[in-house]
Protein backbone atom coordinates (compact mmCIF):
# COMPACT_ATOMS: atom_id res chain seq x y z
CA MET A 1 0.00 0.00 0.00
CA ALA A 2 1.37 3.38 -0.91
CA LYS A 3 2.01 5.83 1.90
CA ARG A 4 -1.10 7.87 2.56
CA LYS A 5 -1.12 11.61 2.87
CA SER A 6 -1.44 12.61 6.50
CA ARG A 7 -3.93 15.40 5.89
CA ILE A 8 -7.39 15.02 4.39
CA GLN A 9 -7.60 17.04 1.20
CA LEU A 10 -10.64 19.21 0.43
CA ARG A 11 -11.53 19.63 -3.23
CA HIS A 12 -13.49 22.64 -4.50
CA GLY A 13 -13.87 24.54 -7.76
CA SER A 14 -11.63 23.33 -10.57
CA GLU A 15 -10.29 20.46 -8.46
CA ALA A 16 -13.80 19.13 -7.87
CA ASP A 17 -14.49 19.54 -11.58
CA GLY A 18 -11.39 17.50 -12.37
CA LEU A 19 -12.64 14.71 -10.14
CA ARG A 20 -16.10 14.89 -11.72
CA GLU A 21 -14.52 14.37 -15.14
CA ALA A 22 -12.44 11.45 -13.87
CA GLY A 23 -15.44 9.87 -12.19
CA LYS A 24 -17.58 10.04 -15.30
CA ILE A 25 -14.87 8.41 -17.41
CA ALA A 26 -14.34 5.65 -14.85
CA ALA A 27 -18.10 5.04 -14.72
CA SER A 28 -18.32 4.88 -18.51
CA VAL A 29 -15.51 2.33 -18.74
CA LEU A 30 -17.08 0.26 -15.97
CA GLY A 31 -20.44 0.28 -17.73
CA LYS A 32 -18.94 -0.91 -21.02
CA CYS A 33 -16.94 -3.64 -19.26
CA ALA A 34 -20.08 -4.79 -17.44
CA GLU A 35 -21.82 -5.20 -20.81
CA MET A 36 -19.12 -7.70 -21.81
CA VAL A 37 -19.79 -10.02 -18.88
CA ALA A 38 -21.34 -13.19 -20.33
CA PRO A 39 -20.80 -16.95 -20.39
CA GLY A 40 -17.75 -17.91 -22.45
CA VAL A 41 -15.95 -14.58 -22.10
CA THR A 42 -12.58 -14.63 -20.35
CA THR A 43 -11.54 -12.21 -17.64
CA GLY A 44 -8.50 -11.37 -19.77
CA GLU A 45 -10.69 -10.27 -22.67
CA ILE A 46 -12.52 -7.85 -20.37
CA ASP A 47 -9.22 -6.55 -18.98
CA THR A 48 -7.84 -5.94 -22.47
CA ALA A 49 -11.01 -4.13 -23.54
CA ALA A 50 -10.85 -1.98 -20.42
CA GLY A 51 -7.32 -0.90 -21.30
CA GLU A 52 -8.43 0.06 -24.79
CA LEU A 53 -11.41 2.01 -23.48
CA ILE A 54 -9.27 3.87 -20.95
CA ALA A 55 -6.75 4.78 -23.66
CA GLU A 56 -9.52 5.92 -26.02
CA ALA A 57 -10.65 8.33 -23.29
CA GLY A 58 -7.13 9.79 -23.21
CA CYS A 59 -6.49 8.38 -19.74
CA LYS A 60 -4.41 5.66 -18.15
CA SER A 61 -5.26 2.91 -15.73
CA ALA A 62 -4.80 3.90 -12.10
CA PHE A 63 -4.18 0.23 -11.25
CA LEU A 64 -1.72 -0.95 -13.89
CA GLY A 65 1.73 -0.99 -12.33
CA TYR A 66 0.48 0.11 -8.90
CA LYS A 67 2.91 -1.74 -6.60
CA GLY A 68 3.39 -4.08 -9.54
CA PHE A 69 -0.27 -4.88 -10.24
CA PRO A 70 -0.34 -6.42 -13.75
CA GLY A 71 -3.92 -5.68 -14.85
CA GLN A 72 -5.73 -2.72 -16.36
CA ILE A 73 -8.62 -3.30 -13.96
CA CYS A 74 -9.42 -5.65 -11.09
CA ILE A 75 -11.76 -8.47 -12.07
CA SER A 76 -12.72 -10.99 -9.39
CA VAL A 77 -15.07 -13.98 -9.73
CA ASN A 78 -17.28 -15.72 -7.14
CA GLU A 79 -15.22 -16.31 -3.97
CA GLU A 80 -12.65 -13.76 -5.16
CA VAL A 81 -13.34 -10.59 -3.18
CA VAL A 82 -11.16 -7.93 -4.82
CA HIS A 83 -7.86 -7.43 -6.68
CA GLY A 84 -8.40 -10.29 -9.13
CA ILE A 85 -6.19 -10.28 -12.22
CA GLY A 86 -7.69 -10.78 -15.67
CA GLY A 87 -6.47 -13.85 -17.54
CA GLY A 88 -7.68 -17.10 -19.01
CA ARG A 89 -10.55 -17.75 -16.61
CA VAL A 90 -13.75 -18.35 -18.58
CA LEU A 91 -16.96 -16.95 -17.14
CA ASN A 92 -19.79 -19.44 -16.63
CA GLU A 93 -23.53 -19.18 -16.13
CA SER A 94 -24.37 -18.28 -12.49
CA ASP A 95 -20.96 -16.72 -11.74
CA VAL A 96 -20.80 -13.31 -10.08
CA VAL A 97 -18.10 -10.99 -11.38
CA LYS A 98 -16.65 -7.99 -9.59
CA VAL A 99 -15.29 -5.34 -11.97
CA ASP A 100 -13.28 -2.51 -10.38
CA VAL A 101 -12.13 0.32 -12.65
CA GLY A 102 -9.72 3.08 -11.69
CA ILE A 103 -8.49 5.69 -14.15
CA GLU A 104 -6.20 8.70 -14.08
CA THR A 105 -6.90 11.68 -16.33
CA PRO A 106 -4.14 13.64 -18.12
CA ALA A 107 -4.60 16.32 -15.47
CA GLY A 108 -3.82 13.76 -12.77
CA TRP A 109 -7.25 13.18 -11.22
CA ILE A 110 -8.42 9.72 -10.18
CA GLY A 111 -11.80 8.09 -10.82
CA ASP A 112 -12.53 4.82 -8.99
CA ASN A 113 -15.66 2.65 -9.01
CA ALA A 114 -16.81 -0.97 -8.98
CA LYS A 115 -19.85 -3.18 -9.28
CA THR A 116 -20.72 -6.87 -9.18
CA ILE A 117 -22.37 -8.34 -12.26
CA PRO A 118 -24.28 -11.63 -12.46
CA VAL A 119 -23.50 -13.98 -15.34
CA GLY A 120 -26.91 -15.06 -16.59
CA SER A 121 -29.20 -16.48 -13.89
CA ILE A 122 -27.81 -16.64 -10.38
CA SER A 123 -29.05 -18.26 -7.19
CA GLU A 124 -31.45 -16.55 -4.82
CA GLU A 125 -28.65 -16.42 -2.23
CA ALA A 126 -26.37 -14.68 -4.70
CA GLU A 127 -29.11 -12.26 -5.74
CA THR A 128 -29.67 -11.28 -2.10
CA LEU A 129 -25.93 -10.81 -1.58
CA LEU A 130 -25.58 -8.49 -4.55
CA ALA A 131 -28.71 -6.50 -3.78
CA ALA A 132 -27.78 -6.07 -0.12
CA THR A 133 -24.22 -5.03 -0.92
CA GLU A 134 -25.37 -2.38 -3.36
CA ALA A 135 -28.00 -1.17 -0.89
CA SER A 136 -25.39 -0.93 1.87
CA LEU A 137 -23.31 1.31 -0.40
CA PHE A 138 -26.22 3.71 -0.78
CA ALA A 139 -26.91 3.58 2.96
CA ALA A 140 -23.31 4.68 3.51
CA ILE A 141 -23.51 7.38 0.84
CA ASP A 142 -26.59 8.82 2.57
CA CYS A 143 -24.43 9.27 5.70
CA ALA A 144 -21.76 11.23 3.79
CA ARG A 145 -22.96 14.60 5.00
CA GLU A 146 -21.11 17.61 6.31
CA GLY A 147 -20.80 17.49 10.10
CA GLU A 148 -21.36 13.73 10.47
CA LEU A 149 -18.62 11.58 11.93
CA LEU A 150 -16.96 9.22 9.48
CA SER A 151 -17.81 6.38 11.86
CA LYS A 152 -21.53 6.77 11.12
CA LEU A 153 -20.89 6.21 7.41
CA CYS A 154 -18.60 3.24 8.05
CA GLY A 155 -20.84 1.55 10.59
CA SER A 156 -23.89 1.85 8.35
CA VAL A 157 -22.57 -0.83 5.96
CA GLU A 158 -22.29 -3.60 8.55
CA ALA A 159 -25.52 -2.45 10.21
CA TYR A 160 -27.31 -2.98 6.90
CA VAL A 161 -25.95 -6.38 5.90
CA ALA A 162 -25.49 -8.14 9.27
CA PRO A 163 -29.24 -8.69 9.90
CA LEU A 164 -29.30 -10.57 6.57
CA GLY A 165 -26.63 -12.99 7.81
CA LEU A 166 -23.91 -11.40 5.69
CA THR A 167 -20.47 -10.21 6.80
CA VAL A 168 -18.22 -7.32 5.81
CA VAL A 169 -14.56 -7.72 4.91
CA LYS A 170 -12.51 -5.92 7.55
CA GLN A 171 -9.02 -6.35 6.13
CA PHE A 172 -9.63 -4.05 3.16
CA VAL A 173 -11.22 -0.61 3.21
CA GLY A 174 -12.32 2.35 1.13
CA HIS A 175 -10.28 5.54 1.02
CA GLY A 176 -9.98 9.14 0.05
CA VAL A 177 -9.47 9.92 -3.63
CA GLY A 178 -7.80 12.81 -5.41
CA ARG A 179 -4.49 12.96 -7.22
CA GLN A 180 -3.50 9.69 -5.54
CA LEU A 181 -5.41 6.43 -5.74
CA HIS A 182 -5.37 6.12 -1.95
CA GLU A 183 -5.57 9.23 0.20
CA GLU A 184 -6.80 9.93 3.72
CA PRO A 185 -9.13 9.03 5.30
CA GLN A 186 -9.40 5.27 5.32
CA VAL A 187 -13.07 4.23 5.02
CA PRO A 188 -13.78 0.80 6.57
CA ASN A 189 -17.16 -0.90 6.22
CA TYR A 190 -17.71 -1.28 9.96
CA TRP A 191 -16.78 0.60 13.11
CA ASP A 192 -15.42 -0.69 16.40
CA GLU A 193 -13.91 2.04 18.58
CA GLU A 194 -11.21 -0.05 20.23
CA GLU A 195 -10.20 -1.78 17.03
CA MET A 196 -10.11 1.49 15.13
CA ARG A 197 -7.80 2.99 17.73
CA ASN A 198 -5.51 -0.02 17.44
CA ARG A 199 -5.50 0.28 13.63
CA ARG A 200 -4.98 4.05 13.93
CA PHE A 201 -8.00 4.85 11.81
CA LYS A 202 -9.11 8.46 12.03
CA ASN A 203 -12.71 9.45 12.75
CA PRO A 204 -13.04 13.00 11.44
CA ARG A 205 -16.19 14.97 11.02
CA LEU A 206 -16.98 15.12 7.33
CA GLN A 207 -16.42 18.44 5.58
CA ALA A 208 -17.61 19.75 2.25
CA GLY A 209 -14.90 19.02 -0.29
CA MET A 210 -13.92 15.59 1.03
CA VAL A 211 -13.82 12.95 -1.71
CA LEU A 212 -14.33 9.36 -0.61
CA ALA A 213 -14.30 6.01 -2.37
CA ILE A 214 -16.90 4.03 -0.44
CA GLU A 215 -16.68 0.34 -1.29
CA PRO A 216 -18.57 -2.31 0.66
CA MET A 217 -17.04 -5.78 0.30
CA VAL A 218 -19.62 -8.22 1.64
CA ASN A 219 -19.42 -11.99 2.02
CA ALA A 220 -22.09 -14.67 2.17
CA GLY A 221 -20.02 -16.56 4.78
CA THR A 222 -17.13 -15.66 7.04
CA ASP A 223 -15.54 -12.23 6.97
CA GLU A 224 -12.09 -13.84 6.93
CA VAL A 225 -10.11 -13.62 3.71
CA LEU A 226 -6.90 -15.02 2.22
CA ILE A 227 -4.52 -13.76 -0.45
CA LEU A 228 -3.57 -16.15 -3.25
CA GLU A 229 -0.03 -16.92 -4.36
CA ASP A 230 -0.20 -14.19 -7.01
CA ASP A 231 0.08 -11.79 -4.02
CA TRP A 232 -3.01 -9.89 -5.22
CA THR A 233 -6.22 -11.90 -5.47
CA VAL A 234 -8.21 -11.81 -2.23
CA ILE A 235 -10.59 -14.73 -1.63
CA THR A 236 -13.02 -15.64 1.12
CA ALA A 237 -11.45 -18.09 3.57
CA ASP A 238 -14.47 -20.42 3.33
CA ARG A 239 -14.81 -19.96 -0.47
CA ALA A 240 -18.27 -18.43 -0.06
CA LEU A 241 -19.49 -15.83 -2.55
CA SER A 242 -18.48 -12.22 -2.16
CA ALA A 243 -19.81 -8.98 -3.66
CA HIS A 244 -18.23 -5.54 -4.12
CA PHE A 245 -19.81 -2.22 -5.06
CA GLU A 246 -18.04 1.15 -5.06
CA HIS A 247 -18.75 4.79 -5.80
CA THR A 248 -16.55 7.83 -5.44
CA ILE A 249 -18.51 10.62 -3.77
CA LEU A 250 -18.02 14.28 -2.95
CA VAL A 251 -19.20 15.61 0.41
CA THR A 252 -21.06 18.89 -0.09
CA ASP A 253 -22.96 21.32 2.11
CA GLY A 254 -26.10 19.45 1.05
CA ASP A 255 -26.69 16.00 -0.40
CA PRO A 256 -23.60 13.92 -1.23
CA GLU A 257 -22.65 13.99 -4.92
CA ILE A 258 -21.87 10.70 -6.66
CA LEU A 259 -18.91 11.36 -8.97
CA THR A 260 -19.15 7.94 -10.68
CA PRO A 261 -22.79 8.01 -11.82
CA ARG A 262 -24.60 4.87 -12.97
CA ALA A 263 -28.06 3.39 -12.60
CA ARG A 264 -28.71 1.17 -9.62
CA SER A 265 -28.80 -2.55 -10.42
CA TYR A 266 -31.14 -3.78 -7.67
CA GLU A 267 -34.10 -2.81 -5.55
CA PRO A 268 -33.02 -2.52 -1.90
CA VAL A 269 -33.47 -5.65 0.24
CA GLY A 270 -33.58 -6.15 3.97
CA LEU A 271 -34.07 -3.16 6.27
């Protein structure tokens, strides 16, 4: 993980506009990659197409080469949580595919977003997992308001999915976004005061101008995860399904602004 800036950056005016542009491009690339998800397609084909789309937009991948990451995007299937590498894996009916796209504009602004896409028909359990994960993202976004503590936003994800028997991944978190892929603050998907102190997570009050990548990673089984021998791909320890949805948002003096706009995939479930 790259060293994080110690101070939370506030983005206004032209800087916010730069992030809006980056977010829209990242959302467009994600949408086109999602349209490719189908039985018989390989994860490598989607990764290659993503690289072409990013280049056509005059941008570069924010992931390629990051600490040696070899892919244009992250593409993770079924029990793979995040950071999957595109390759020869063939998608099959009933798989769930997490596509995470990060781009950097020529001006140096980052756009970062992700969604989980079903391959054809999926099980009722998988449908609930995906719908709940997306809904927990929007529950967290609704908490991204000036004056609220970050902990309210973070805790809202686990509060949403836990009553459905689902768990949140605690090892990996969301983050601030700006000119770096990972900036302050860290944005976990749960909140435990003692644990957060031990992990040195900050709990600031949100201010207009903060830009956050909120990204629930939710599992159908245990919250424990493992990293494969490629040193990147994160999987659930019990091999249960996992889902991942992400938006980059701007805190304003009113409603939070989603910088990576796309239509919702599911009706909310649960609470």
